[in-house]
C-alpha atoms as a PDB file:
ATOM      1  CA  MET A   1     146.014  -0.553 132.403  1.00  0.00           C
ATOM      2  CA  LYS A   2     143.363   2.025 134.275  1.00  0.00           C
ATOM      3  CA  ASP A   3     141.880   2.276 131.134  1.00  0.00           C
ATOM      4  CA  PHE A   4     141.137  -1.049 130.426  1.00  0.00           C
ATOM      5  CA  ALA A   5     140.656  -1.612 134.518  1.00  0.00           C
ATOM      6  CA  ARG A   6     137.291   0.981 133.896  1.00  0.00           C
ATOM      7  CA  ARG A   7     136.252  -0.359 130.734  1.00  0.00           C
ATOM      8  CA  PHE A   8     135.992  -4.505 132.600  1.00  0.00           C
ATOM      9  CA  ALA A   9     134.758  -2.782 136.201  1.00  0.00           C
ATOM     10  CA  ALA A  10     131.934  -1.425 133.293  1.00  0.00           C
ATOM     11  CA  ALA A  11     131.366  -4.205 132.042  1.00  0.00           C
ATOM     12  CA  LEU A  12     131.097  -6.754 134.398  1.00  0.00           C
ATOM     13  CA  ALA A  13     127.772  -3.739 136.589  1.00  0.00           C
ATOM     14  CA  GLU A  14     126.717  -3.623 133.133  1.00  0.00           C
ATOM     15  CA  ASP A  15     126.465  -7.775 132.751  1.00  0.00           C
ATOM     16  CA  GLN A  16     125.919  -8.097 136.613  1.00  0.00           C
ATOM     17  CA  PRO A  17     124.197  -4.907 138.472  1.00  0.00           C
ATOM     18  CA  GLU A  18     123.076  -6.340 140.841  1.00  0.00           C
ATOM     19  CA  ARG A  19     126.077  -8.226 142.287  1.00  0.00           C
ATOM     20  CA  PHE A  20     128.516  -6.078 141.266  1.00  0.00           C
ATOM     21  CA  THR A  21     129.290  -1.888 140.670  1.00  0.00           C
ATOM     22  CA  ALA A  22     131.234   0.501 138.826  1.00  0.00           C
ATOM     23  CA  ALA A  23     130.524   3.330 140.940  1.00  0.00           C
ATOM     24  CA  LEU A  24     132.120   5.178 143.546  1.00  0.00           C
ATOM     25  CA  ALA A  25     130.048   6.543 145.522  1.00  0.00           C
ATOM     26  CA  LYS A  26     129.124   4.340 148.442  1.00  0.00           C
ATOM     27  CA  LYS A  27     125.804   5.061 148.419  1.00  0.00           C
ATOM     28  CA  GLN A  28     125.800   3.220 145.775  1.00  0.00           C
ATOM     29  CA  ARG A  29     127.398   0.266 146.191  1.00  0.00           C
ATOM     30  CA  LYS A  30     124.949  -1.166 148.465  1.00  0.00           C
ATOM     31  CA  GLY A  31     125.148  -4.902 149.068  1.00  0.00           C
ATOM     32  CA  ARG A  32     126.742  -5.394 145.644  1.00  0.00           C
ATOM     33  CA  ILE A  33     130.803  -6.399 145.195  1.00  0.00           C
ATOM     34  CA  PHE A  34     132.432  -2.539 144.572  1.00  0.00           C
ATOM     35  CA  ILE A  35     134.797  -2.845 141.071  1.00  0.00           C
ATOM     36  CA  ASP A  36     137.854  -1.096 142.602  1.00  0.00           C
ATOM     37  CA  TYR A  37     139.102  -0.201 139.080  1.00  0.00           C
ATOM     38  CA  LEU A  38     141.339   3.294 140.660  1.00  0.00           C
ATOM     39  CA  ARG A  39     143.829   0.789 142.030  1.00  0.00           C
ATOM     40  CA  ASN A  40     144.790   0.499 138.748  1.00  0.00           C
ATOM     41  CA  GLN A  41     146.368   4.084 138.178  1.00  0.00           C
ATOM     42  CA  ARG A  42     150.034   6.050 139.258  1.00  0.00           C
ATOM     43  CA  GLY A  43     150.946   6.072 142.966  1.00  0.00           C
ATOM     44  CA  ALA A  44     147.465   4.295 143.991  1.00  0.00           C
ATOM     45  CA  THR A  45     148.242   2.549 146.843  1.00  0.00           C
ATOM     46  CA  ALA A  46     145.910  -0.477 148.066  1.00  0.00           C
ATOM     47  CA  VAL A  47     145.898  -2.211 152.046  1.00  0.00           C
ATOM     48  CA  MET A  48     147.824  -5.275 152.468  1.00  0.00           C
ATOM     49  CA  PRO A  49     146.289  -8.087 154.677  1.00  0.00           C
ATOM     50  CA  TYR A  50     146.685  -7.383 158.180  1.00  0.00           C
ATOM     51  CA  SER A  51     147.871  -3.650 157.784  1.00  0.00           C
ATOM     52  CA  ALA A  52     146.183  -1.089 160.866  1.00  0.00           C
ATOM     53  CA  ARG A  53     144.370   1.478 159.370  1.00  0.00           C
ATOM     54  CA  ALA A  54     144.395   4.902 159.880  1.00  0.00           C
ATOM     55  CA  ARG A  55     141.163   5.066 161.976  1.00  0.00           C
ATOM     56  CA  ALA A  56     138.950   4.627 165.323  1.00  0.00           C
ATOM     57  CA  GLY A  57     140.007   1.770 167.209  1.00  0.00           C
ATOM     58  CA  THR A  58     142.110   0.700 164.559  1.00  0.00           C
ATOM     59  CA  PRO A  59     140.512  -2.057 163.055  1.00  0.00           C
ATOM     60  CA  VAL A  60     142.406  -4.072 160.898  1.00  0.00           C
ATOM     61  CA  ALA A  61     142.270  -5.222 157.046  1.00  0.00           C
ATOM     62  CA  VAL A  62     141.868  -9.197 157.099  1.00  0.00           C
ATOM     63  CA  PRO A  63     140.908 -12.011 154.568  1.00  0.00           C
ATOM     64  CA  VAL A  64     137.961 -13.341 155.001  1.00  0.00           C
ATOM     65  CA  THR A  65     135.969 -16.237 153.869  1.00  0.00           C
ATOM     66  CA  TRP A  66     132.736 -15.743 151.858  1.00  0.00           C
ATOM     67  CA  GLN A  67     130.706 -17.028 154.427  1.00  0.00           C
ATOM     68  CA  GLU A  68     132.510 -15.299 157.695  1.00  0.00           C
ATOM     69  CA  LEU A  69     131.755 -11.704 154.490  1.00  0.00           C
ATOM     70  CA  ARG A  70     128.244 -12.804 154.992  1.00  0.00           C
ATOM     71  CA  ALA A  71     127.924 -12.188 158.520  1.00  0.00           C
ATOM     72  CA  MET A  72     130.325  -9.098 159.110  1.00  0.00           C
ATOM     73  CA  ASP A  73     128.386  -5.797 159.667  1.00  0.00           C
ATOM     74  CA  GLY A  74     131.501  -3.908 157.964  1.00  0.00           C
ATOM     75  CA  ALA A  75     134.864  -2.747 157.686  1.00  0.00           C
ATOM     76  CA  SER A  76     135.864  -2.704 161.005  1.00  0.00           C
ATOM     77  CA  HIS A  77     135.834  -6.540 163.142  1.00  0.00           C
ATOM     78  CA  TRP A  78     138.929  -6.582 163.674  1.00  0.00           C
ATOM     79  CA  HIS A  79     140.883  -4.091 165.441  1.00  0.00           C
ATOM     80  CA  VAL A  80     145.056  -4.688 166.655  1.00  0.00           C
ATOM     81  CA  GLY A  81     143.005  -5.636 169.761  1.00  0.00           C
ATOM     82  CA  ASP A  82     143.137  -9.271 168.091  1.00  0.00           C
ATOM     83  CA  ALA A  83     146.444 -10.089 167.595  1.00  0.00           C
ATOM     84  CA  LYS A  84     146.022 -13.808 168.786  1.00  0.00           C
ATOM     85  CA  GLU A  85     143.018 -14.188 167.141  1.00  0.00           C
ATOM     86  CA  LEU A  86     143.812 -12.950 163.711  1.00  0.00           C
ATOM     87  CA  ALA A  87     147.530 -14.883 164.144  1.00  0.00           C
ATOM     88  CA  LYS A  88     144.960 -18.367 164.969  1.00  0.00           C
ATOM     89  CA  ARG A  89     142.704 -17.345 162.037  1.00  0.00           C
ATOM     90  CA  ALA A  90     145.874 -16.422 159.769  1.00  0.00           C
ATOM     91  CA  GLY A  91     146.964 -20.366 159.858  1.00  0.00           C
ATOM     92  CA  SER A  92     143.234 -21.696 159.474  1.00  0.00           C
ATOM     93  CA  LYS A  93     142.274 -23.805 157.616  1.00  0.00           C
ATOM     94  CA  ALA A  94     139.612 -21.738 156.627  1.00  0.00           C
ATOM     95  CA  LEU A  95     142.718 -19.074 155.452  1.00  0.00           C
ATOM     96  CA  ALA A  96     145.793 -22.016 153.801  1.00  0.00           C
ATOM     97  CA  ARG A  97     144.548 -21.326 150.439  1.00  0.00           C
ATOM     98  CA  TRP A  98     143.990 -17.633 151.027  1.00  0.00           C
ATOM     99  CA  GLY A  99     145.668 -15.894 148.384  1.00  0.00           C
ATOM    100  CA  LEU A 100     146.443 -18.506 145.747  1.00  0.00           C
ATOM    101  CA  ALA A 101     144.564 -19.556 142.489  1.00  0.00           C
ATOM    102  CA  GLU A 102     144.815 -22.426 140.820  1.00  0.00           C
ATOM    103  CA  GLN A 103     144.677 -20.602 137.133  1.00  0.00           C
ATOM    104  CA  THR A 104     147.780 -20.080 134.432  1.00  0.00           C
ATOM    105  CA  LEU A 105     147.595 -16.989 131.541  1.00  0.00           C
ATOM    106  CA  PRO A 106     147.535 -17.907 127.919  1.00  0.00           C
ATOM    107  CA  ASP A 107     150.529 -17.128 125.803  1.00  0.00           C
ATOM    108  CA  LEU A 108     149.646 -14.307 123.684  1.00  0.00           C
END
């Protein structure tokens, strides 16, 4: 799976280099979406939504809308002290269908 994910990320970055990158180095990612193929290997972990991060200020991983993303200056916008606001956001209309995709995979 990791090999497929790596090749897919590279193909996407090659097809639309102004939007996507598979480069691990943060300097090379600026202004583009990082396609992280490394999450598809044994032992890899990912942060679940609303998890506190082990960083200064205890930021929280939060799902955001595309509009919110454009206005954000970094990944530590919300922190554990924002619990009431985060609970309110989670039930908001903007995030009502977050995590859902209306698609089906074809039969093989």
